[in-house]
Amino acid sequence: MSWEEVDDTRSRILRTALHMFIEQGYQRTSLRQIAERLRLTKAAILYHFPSKAHLLGDLAGPFVRDLESLLDRAEALPAQQARWTLLEGWVDVMLAHRHSLGMLYHDLALVGQGTDYQSLMQIAMRANEIVAGPNPGVRERVRAVQALAMCGDPVLFLAEVPAEALREDMLDGVRRLLADPPPAASQTAPTATPPTVTDPAEATPTAGATPTAGAATSTPDTNAPATVDPATVDPRSRAGRRRPGRPRSMSPDQVSAARRMHLAGTHSADEIAAEFGVSRATVYRHLESNNDTETVSS
């Protein structure tokens, strides 16, 4: 029987901590606040959990155990069956833990490279190997990473969608991703220029124009350059679009500021990432790095 089903003091602490972490974030929730919510002393909390990080680790326990059990089942099956057993089971585990999943994903990485974090990294590596199949190439390995992301990310970002509908659409997307590859580019590549319209009657009328009886006798100028009305162009398509390539890095000053924000507990990783215009992974990398040369003064 799990802590979610037991009503002893330790289980009550875990349930209350989970609710408060979801409500106001791990960084903004103190052990004293948890104790006050339960009408206990902080010493009573520390008797069961030496630190807040231990609390978070125990909250992650059921999620980690469910994923490890799924991996054990899948690894005992033939390759193709193992792949789909894992992918379908992965979606089910994510949906089963959807209410606490966002908190666990965001906060475990910030707590540090502890055993729970390492367990999740090992689980992800094992899962990628199963989905990629035996002797995978780069393409298969990339598709495996993409497939697992498709089996988890929608649960985080579409919390309002019913589980059944979300599960169906997630698995449909994964099946499309892992379908047989398209024909070679040489067999499907379009010609550089569209074919010339020789029959004026087959020419497509300009948008908004009404064809007339005499329109068939007028041949459009297919060589005229296309014009675009600037007023109809979404400015977001011209500015602010991220260029392809490596994610943006952070300057030493930005890293120092991000660490101060993190240590103060005033901003989550998502808020820090939004503040500096970088990805959450970039924020994690700088917060967790022990090799950065810049220092942070509190």
Protein backbone atom coordinates (compact mmCIF):
# COMPACT_ATOMS: atom_id res chain seq x y z
CA MET A 1 0.00 0.00 0.00
CA SER A 2 1.43 3.38 -1.04
CA TRP A 3 1.61 6.63 0.92
CA GLU A 4 -1.31 7.87 -1.18
CA GLU A 5 -3.58 5.30 0.50
CA VAL A 6 -2.30 5.40 4.09
CA ASP A 7 -3.32 7.97 6.71
CA ASP A 8 -0.31 7.90 9.03
CA THR A 9 1.74 11.02 9.78
CA ARG A 10 4.40 10.32 7.17
CA SER A 11 1.82 9.80 4.41
CA ARG A 12 -0.06 12.94 5.41
CA ILE A 13 3.17 14.91 5.18
CA LEU A 14 3.81 13.56 1.67
CA ARG A 15 0.30 14.32 0.45
CA THR A 16 0.35 17.83 1.87
CA ALA A 17 3.82 18.52 0.45
CA LEU A 18 2.72 17.36 -2.99
CA HIS A 19 -0.32 19.65 -2.95
CA MET A 20 1.75 22.62 -1.81
CA PHE A 21 4.52 21.98 -4.34
CA ILE A 22 1.89 21.91 -7.10
CA GLU A 23 0.14 25.03 -5.76
CA GLN A 24 3.13 27.29 -5.19
CA GLY A 25 6.23 25.47 -6.45
CA TYR A 26 8.96 23.52 -4.72
CA GLN A 27 11.28 26.50 -4.31
CA ARG A 28 8.60 28.68 -2.68
CA THR A 29 7.41 26.03 -0.22
CA SER A 30 9.25 25.65 3.09
CA LEU A 31 9.16 22.83 5.62
CA ARG A 32 7.74 25.30 8.12
CA GLN A 33 4.81 26.04 5.81
CA ILE A 34 4.13 22.32 5.39
CA ALA A 35 4.24 21.86 9.16
CA GLU A 36 1.83 24.76 9.69
CA ARG A 37 -0.62 23.36 7.14
CA LEU A 38 -0.62 20.05 9.05
CA ARG A 39 -0.56 21.71 12.49
CA LEU A 40 2.71 19.98 13.27
CA THR A 41 6.08 21.28 14.35
CA LYS A 42 8.97 21.57 11.92
CA ALA A 43 10.81 19.05 14.11
CA ALA A 44 8.02 16.54 13.42
CA ILE A 45 8.58 16.96 9.68
CA LEU A 46 12.34 16.56 10.07
CA TYR A 47 11.83 13.37 12.08
CA HIS A 48 10.39 11.73 8.96
CA PHE A 49 12.31 13.66 6.27
CA PRO A 50 15.82 15.07 6.96
CA SER A 51 15.37 17.71 4.23
CA LYS A 52 12.95 19.05 1.68
CA ALA A 53 14.91 17.21 -1.02
CA HIS A 54 14.14 13.90 0.73
CA LEU A 55 10.46 14.83 0.59
CA LEU A 56 10.65 15.40 -3.15
CA GLY A 57 12.54 12.15 -3.63
CA ASP A 58 9.84 10.15 -1.85
CA LEU A 59 7.13 11.88 -3.87
CA ALA A 60 8.91 10.75 -7.05
CA GLY A 61 9.13 7.16 -5.80
CA PRO A 62 5.85 5.76 -7.27
CA PHE A 63 6.51 7.41 -10.63
CA VAL A 64 10.06 6.02 -10.83
CA ARG A 65 8.98 2.53 -9.74
CA ASP A 66 6.18 2.40 -12.33
CA LEU A 67 8.61 3.30 -15.12
CA GLU A 68 11.18 0.74 -13.95
CA SER A 69 8.50 -1.98 -13.84
CA LEU A 70 7.43 -1.07 -17.37
CA LEU A 71 11.02 -1.29 -18.63
CA ASP A 72 11.49 -4.71 -17.02
CA ARG A 73 8.39 -6.03 -18.81
CA ALA A 74 9.35 -4.57 -22.17
CA GLU A 75 12.95 -5.83 -22.08
CA ALA A 76 11.68 -9.42 -21.81
CA LEU A 77 9.82 -9.17 -25.14
CA PRO A 78 10.91 -9.39 -28.81
CA ALA A 79 12.12 -6.09 -30.25
CA GLN A 80 8.99 -4.93 -32.13
CA GLN A 81 6.63 -5.99 -29.37
CA ALA A 82 8.91 -4.45 -26.76
CA ARG A 83 8.86 -1.09 -28.57
CA TRP A 84 5.07 -0.74 -28.57
CA THR A 85 4.62 -2.24 -25.11
CA LEU A 86 7.00 0.42 -23.83
CA LEU A 87 5.48 3.33 -25.77
CA GLU A 88 1.89 2.53 -24.83
CA GLY A 89 2.86 1.81 -21.24
CA TRP A 90 4.90 5.03 -21.09
CA VAL A 91 1.84 7.06 -22.03
CA ASP A 92 -0.23 5.24 -19.40
CA VAL A 93 2.34 5.92 -16.65
CA MET A 94 2.56 9.60 -17.61
CA LEU A 95 -1.22 9.95 -17.52
CA ALA A 96 -1.45 8.11 -14.19
CA HIS A 97 0.94 10.65 -12.64
CA ARG A 98 -0.19 13.68 -14.65
CA HIS A 99 -1.18 15.82 -11.64
CA SER A 100 2.27 15.69 -10.06
CA LEU A 101 4.33 15.12 -13.19
CA GLY A 102 5.03 18.79 -13.92
CA MET A 103 6.28 19.40 -10.40
CA LEU A 104 8.48 16.32 -10.49
CA TYR A 105 10.02 17.13 -13.87
CA HIS A 106 10.75 20.77 -13.09
CA ASP A 107 12.01 20.40 -9.53
CA LEU A 108 13.98 17.14 -9.48
CA ALA A 109 16.60 18.62 -11.81
CA LEU A 110 16.94 21.74 -9.63
CA VAL A 111 17.38 19.80 -6.41
CA GLY A 112 20.63 18.29 -7.63
CA GLN A 113 22.19 15.22 -9.14
CA GLY A 114 20.77 12.90 -6.51
CA THR A 115 19.73 9.28 -6.76
CA ASP A 116 16.22 10.09 -8.02
CA TYR A 117 17.57 12.29 -10.79
CA GLN A 118 20.06 9.61 -11.78
CA SER A 119 17.32 6.97 -11.75
CA LEU A 120 15.24 9.00 -14.18
CA MET A 121 18.24 9.49 -16.48
CA GLN A 122 18.93 5.74 -16.49
CA ILE A 123 15.26 5.02 -17.17
CA ALA A 124 15.31 7.40 -20.14
CA MET A 125 18.43 5.77 -21.58
CA ARG A 126 16.96 2.26 -21.26
CA ALA A 127 13.70 3.39 -22.85
CA ASN A 128 15.52 5.01 -25.78
CA GLU A 129 17.41 1.78 -26.45
CA ILE A 130 14.20 -0.27 -26.52
CA VAL A 131 12.40 2.11 -28.87
CA ALA A 132 15.40 2.46 -31.20
CA GLY A 133 15.63 -1.32 -31.61
CA PRO A 134 18.65 -3.55 -32.21
CA ASN A 135 21.68 -2.09 -34.01
CA PRO A 136 20.09 1.34 -34.54
CA GLY A 137 21.51 4.03 -36.78
CA VAL A 138 21.40 7.75 -36.10
CA ARG A 139 17.94 8.05 -37.63
CA GLU A 140 16.49 5.32 -35.39
CA ARG A 141 18.09 6.83 -32.28
CA VAL A 142 16.74 10.29 -33.11
CA ARG A 143 13.26 8.88 -33.71
CA ALA A 144 13.39 7.04 -30.39
CA VAL A 145 14.11 10.25 -28.48
CA GLN A 146 11.35 12.06 -30.40
CA ALA A 147 8.86 9.25 -29.78
CA LEU A 148 9.40 9.26 -26.02
CA ALA A 149 9.05 13.04 -25.92
CA MET A 150 5.74 12.68 -27.76
CA CYS A 151 4.64 10.20 -25.08
CA GLY A 152 5.30 12.63 -22.24
CA ASP A 153 5.32 16.31 -23.19
CA PRO A 154 1.61 16.60 -24.10
CA VAL A 155 0.72 15.37 -20.60
CA LEU A 156 2.66 18.30 -19.14
CA PHE A 157 1.33 21.00 -21.43
CA LEU A 158 -2.25 19.83 -22.09
CA ALA A 159 -3.45 19.15 -18.57
CA GLU A 160 -7.00 20.21 -19.45
CA VAL A 161 -7.46 17.50 -22.13
CA PRO A 162 -9.24 14.31 -20.94
CA ALA A 163 -6.91 11.36 -20.52
CA GLU A 164 -8.63 9.11 -23.08
CA ALA A 165 -8.52 11.71 -25.85
CA LEU A 166 -4.95 12.66 -25.01
CA ARG A 167 -3.79 9.03 -25.02
CA GLU A 168 -5.36 8.35 -28.42
CA ASP A 169 -3.82 11.41 -30.07
CA MET A 170 -0.40 10.89 -28.48
CA LEU A 171 -0.13 7.30 -29.71
CA ASP A 172 -1.45 8.28 -33.14
CA GLY A 173 1.35 10.83 -33.44
CA VAL A 174 3.96 8.27 -32.40
CA ARG A 175 2.69 5.75 -34.98
CA ARG A 176 2.98 8.39 -37.68
CA LEU A 177 6.49 9.30 -36.57
CA LEU A 178 7.71 5.70 -36.58
CA ALA A 179 6.04 4.72 -39.88
CA ASP A 180 8.14 3.51 -42.81
CA PRO A 181 10.48 6.25 -44.08
CA PRO A 182 9.41 8.19 -47.20
CA PRO A 183 10.87 7.33 -50.62
CA ALA A 184 14.30 8.66 -51.55
CA ALA A 185 14.46 12.37 -52.17
CA SER A 186 15.45 11.80 -55.80
CA GLN A 187 12.14 10.02 -56.42
CA THR A 188 9.91 12.64 -54.82
CA ALA A 189 11.76 15.95 -55.24
CA PRO A 190 9.60 18.53 -57.07
CA THR A 191 10.88 20.43 -60.08
CA ALA A 192 12.58 23.74 -59.38
CA THR A 193 9.90 25.75 -61.22
CA PRO A 194 6.22 24.98 -61.72
CA PRO A 195 5.17 23.78 -65.17
CA THR A 196 4.11 26.50 -67.61
CA VAL A 197 0.37 26.73 -68.20
CA THR A 198 -0.16 26.34 -71.93
CA ASP A 199 -3.96 26.28 -71.94
CA PRO A 200 -5.32 29.62 -70.69
CA ALA A 201 -8.53 27.87 -69.63
CA GLU A 202 -6.55 25.84 -67.09
CA ALA A 203 -4.94 28.87 -65.47
CA THR A 204 -5.92 29.42 -61.83
CA PRO A 205 -7.66 32.77 -61.33
CA THR A 206 -6.16 35.27 -58.94
CA ALA A 207 -7.56 35.09 -55.40
CA GLY A 208 -10.58 37.36 -55.11
CA ALA A 209 -11.10 37.69 -58.89
CA THR A 210 -14.32 36.55 -60.50
CA PRO A 211 -13.88 34.55 -63.73
CA THR A 212 -15.76 35.93 -66.74
CA ALA A 213 -16.71 34.48 -70.05
CA GLY A 214 -13.82 36.28 -71.72
CA ALA A 215 -11.25 35.31 -69.16
CA ALA A 216 -10.26 32.20 -71.09
CA THR A 217 -8.84 34.30 -73.91
CA SER A 218 -6.39 36.13 -71.63
CA THR A 219 -3.09 34.38 -70.90
CA PRO A 220 -1.58 35.29 -67.50
CA ASP A 221 2.06 36.33 -67.30
CA THR A 222 3.61 33.35 -65.55
CA ASN A 223 7.05 34.97 -65.56
CA ALA A 224 6.01 38.04 -63.56
CA PRO A 225 7.55 38.09 -60.06
CA ALA A 226 5.15 37.50 -57.20
CA THR A 227 4.40 40.52 -55.04
CA VAL A 228 3.57 40.46 -51.35
CA ASP A 229 1.63 43.13 -49.52
CA PRO A 230 3.71 43.95 -46.38
CA ALA A 231 0.51 44.75 -44.50
CA THR A 232 -0.62 41.14 -44.85
CA VAL A 233 2.60 39.65 -43.46
CA ASP A 234 2.56 38.69 -39.80
CA PRO A 235 5.48 40.65 -38.25
CA ARG A 236 6.15 37.66 -36.00
CA SER A 237 7.20 35.72 -39.10
CA ARG A 238 9.93 38.30 -39.79
CA ALA A 239 11.11 39.16 -36.30
CA GLY A 240 11.64 37.12 -33.21
CA ARG A 241 11.91 33.83 -35.05
CA ARG A 242 14.62 31.65 -33.58
CA ARG A 243 17.35 30.68 -36.00
CA PRO A 244 18.16 26.99 -36.38
CA GLY A 245 21.23 25.57 -34.70
CA ARG A 246 22.43 25.32 -31.11
CA PRO A 247 20.25 26.92 -28.41
CA ARG A 248 21.26 30.36 -27.18
CA SER A 249 23.82 30.38 -24.41
CA MET A 250 23.91 32.67 -21.39
CA SER A 251 26.54 35.29 -20.69
CA PRO A 252 28.44 35.21 -17.39
CA ASP A 253 26.33 38.11 -16.10
CA GLN A 254 23.13 36.30 -17.02
CA VAL A 255 24.35 33.09 -15.35
CA SER A 256 25.14 35.04 -12.17
CA ALA A 257 21.71 36.67 -12.21
CA ALA A 258 19.99 33.34 -12.86
CA ARG A 259 21.78 31.74 -9.93
CA ARG A 260 20.81 34.58 -7.63
CA MET A 261 17.18 34.24 -8.70
CA HIS A 262 17.33 30.48 -8.16
CA LEU A 263 19.03 30.70 -4.74
CA ALA A 264 16.55 33.34 -3.60
CA GLY A 265 13.69 31.00 -4.51
CA THR A 266 11.79 33.81 -6.26
CA HIS A 267 11.72 32.30 -9.75
CA SER A 268 11.12 28.83 -11.19
CA ALA A 269 13.32 27.40 -13.95
CA ASP A 270 10.64 28.25 -16.52
CA GLU A 271 10.50 31.86 -15.32
CA ILE A 272 14.29 32.19 -15.41
CA ALA A 273 14.37 30.74 -18.94
CA ALA A 274 11.69 33.18 -20.09
CA GLU A 275 13.53 36.10 -18.47
CA PHE A 276 16.72 35.46 -20.47
CA GLY A 277 15.16 34.06 -23.62
CA VAL A 278 16.78 30.61 -23.39
CA SER A 279 15.49 27.06 -23.00
CA ARG A 280 14.86 25.43 -19.64
CA ALA A 281 17.62 22.93 -20.43
CA THR A 282 20.11 25.80 -20.80
CA VAL A 283 19.08 27.14 -17.40
CA TYR A 284 19.48 23.69 -15.83
CA ARG A 285 22.93 23.28 -17.41
CA HIS A 286 24.24 26.49 -15.89
CA LEU A 287 22.58 25.98 -12.50
CA GLU A 288 23.92 22.45 -12.16
CA SER A 289 27.42 23.04 -13.60
CA ASN A 290 30.31 22.82 -11.17
CA ASN A 291 32.83 23.91 -13.78
CA ASP A 292 31.65 27.43 -14.57
CA THR A 293 34.35 29.99 -13.87
CA GLU A 294 32.04 32.84 -12.92
CA THR A 295 31.09 33.29 -9.28
CA VAL A 296 27.75 34.27 -7.78
CA SER A 297 27.48 36.59 -4.80
CA SER A 298 24.31 36.30 -2.77
